[in-house]
Protein backbone atom coordinates (compact mmCIF):
# COMPACT_ATOMS: atom_id res chain seq x y z
CA UNK A 1 75.89 38.79 -62.41
CA UNK A 2 73.75 37.52 -64.71
CA UNK A 3 75.58 38.36 -67.64
CA UNK A 4 78.79 37.65 -66.53
CA UNK A 5 77.61 33.82 -65.71
CA UNK A 6 76.79 33.01 -68.84
CA UNK A 7 80.01 35.11 -70.52
CA UNK A 8 82.30 32.15 -67.81
CA UNK A 9 79.57 29.52 -69.24
CA UNK A 10 80.49 30.16 -73.17
CA UNK A 11 84.55 30.35 -72.03
CA UNK A 12 83.84 26.53 -70.15
CA UNK A 13 82.55 25.59 -73.77
CA UNK A 14 84.84 26.99 -76.41
CA UNK A 15 87.61 25.44 -74.22
CA UNK A 16 85.63 22.77 -74.36
CA UNK A 17 85.15 21.73 -70.60
CA UNK A 18 82.76 19.07 -69.89
CA UNK A 19 81.13 21.17 -66.77
CA UNK A 20 79.09 18.29 -66.36
CA UNK A 21 82.37 15.99 -65.01
CA UNK A 22 83.57 15.59 -61.52
CA UNK A 23 87.53 15.83 -62.94
CA UNK A 24 85.83 19.37 -63.64
CA UNK A 25 84.91 20.33 -60.59
CA UNK A 26 88.24 18.97 -58.49
CA UNK A 27 89.99 21.08 -60.48
CA UNK A 28 87.98 23.92 -59.82
CA UNK A 29 87.96 23.58 -56.46
CA UNK A 30 91.08 23.17 -56.38
CA UNK A 31 91.58 26.77 -58.42
CA UNK A 32 88.92 28.40 -56.17
CA UNK A 33 91.07 27.41 -53.36
CA UNK A 34 94.56 28.67 -55.12
CA UNK A 35 92.65 32.07 -55.62
CA UNK A 36 91.42 32.16 -52.41
CA UNK A 37 95.24 32.04 -50.97
CA UNK A 38 96.07 34.77 -53.86
CA UNK A 39 93.23 37.77 -52.51
CA UNK A 40 94.16 36.66 -48.78
CA UNK A 41 98.35 37.79 -49.03
CA UNK A 42 96.49 40.68 -50.87
CA UNK A 43 94.78 41.18 -47.84
CA UNK A 44 98.27 42.18 -46.09
CA UNK A 45 97.13 40.36 -42.67
CA UNK A 46 100.61 39.52 -41.20
CA UNK A 47 101.30 41.64 -38.46
CA UNK A 48 104.74 41.47 -38.21
CA UNK A 49 104.99 43.47 -41.42
CA UNK A 50 103.01 46.80 -40.83
CA UNK A 51 104.65 48.45 -43.89
CA UNK A 52 102.43 46.67 -45.55
CA UNK A 53 100.47 48.17 -48.32
CA UNK A 54 97.53 47.77 -49.75
CA UNK A 55 96.71 47.25 -53.54
CA UNK A 56 92.81 47.41 -53.88
CA UNK A 57 93.25 46.58 -57.92
CA UNK A 58 95.68 43.75 -57.21
CA UNK A 59 92.83 42.60 -54.44
CA UNK A 60 90.14 42.98 -56.36
CA UNK A 61 91.47 40.94 -59.69
CA UNK A 62 91.72 38.04 -57.29
CA UNK A 63 88.05 38.82 -55.76
CA UNK A 64 87.09 38.10 -59.51
CA UNK A 65 89.09 35.42 -60.26
CA UNK A 66 87.07 33.63 -56.45
CA UNK A 67 84.02 35.20 -58.50
CA UNK A 68 84.17 33.42 -62.21
CA UNK A 69 85.91 30.26 -60.41
CA UNK A 70 82.09 29.92 -57.96
CA UNK A 71 80.71 30.50 -61.83
CA UNK A 72 81.96 27.49 -62.55
CA UNK A 73 81.59 24.95 -59.72
CA UNK A 74 78.18 26.39 -60.09
CA UNK A 75 77.91 26.59 -63.79
CA UNK A 76 78.66 22.09 -63.00
CA UNK A 77 76.05 21.74 -61.85
CA UNK A 78 72.91 24.36 -62.18
CA UNK A 79 71.05 27.03 -64.06
CA UNK A 80 72.06 30.96 -63.33
CA UNK A 81 68.19 31.10 -62.28
CA UNK A 82 68.21 28.84 -59.63
CA UNK A 83 71.29 29.57 -57.92
CA UNK A 84 70.10 33.29 -57.51
CA UNK A 85 67.17 31.55 -56.08
CA UNK A 86 68.80 29.58 -53.88
CA UNK A 87 71.20 32.62 -52.83
CA UNK A 88 68.13 35.14 -52.96
CA UNK A 89 66.61 31.57 -50.10
CA UNK A 90 70.14 32.03 -48.21
CA UNK A 91 70.46 35.83 -47.53
CA UNK A 92 66.64 36.15 -46.11
CA UNK A 93 67.53 32.12 -43.71
CA UNK A 94 70.17 34.71 -42.59
CA UNK A 95 68.27 38.35 -41.74
CA UNK A 96 65.06 35.59 -40.08
CA UNK A 97 68.80 34.71 -38.07
CA UNK A 98 69.68 37.68 -36.94
CA UNK A 99 66.37 39.26 -36.21
CA UNK A 100 65.93 36.23 -34.27
CA UNK A 101 69.06 36.09 -32.23
CA UNK A 102 69.94 33.20 -33.36
């Protein structure tokens, strides 16, 4: 994942985006919400449409778009290493909550 994060960081630099600006963050949030909607569309969750077919490739491509927007938001605030530590800490907390029943 680190390499993918760094490639996304390089991509934003090539585009000339100021990843520290509020405007950038706002645009990334809007893009993220749009991509999450596309993931939902690809899950075919509408009960009144029983003949829907799940397309794994389309679903995973939309998930990749979501991941890239998340990378963009994270790189607007911190490094990959710092974020990785935060994710690992959060996972430990979640497992502790599970074990404690809370």
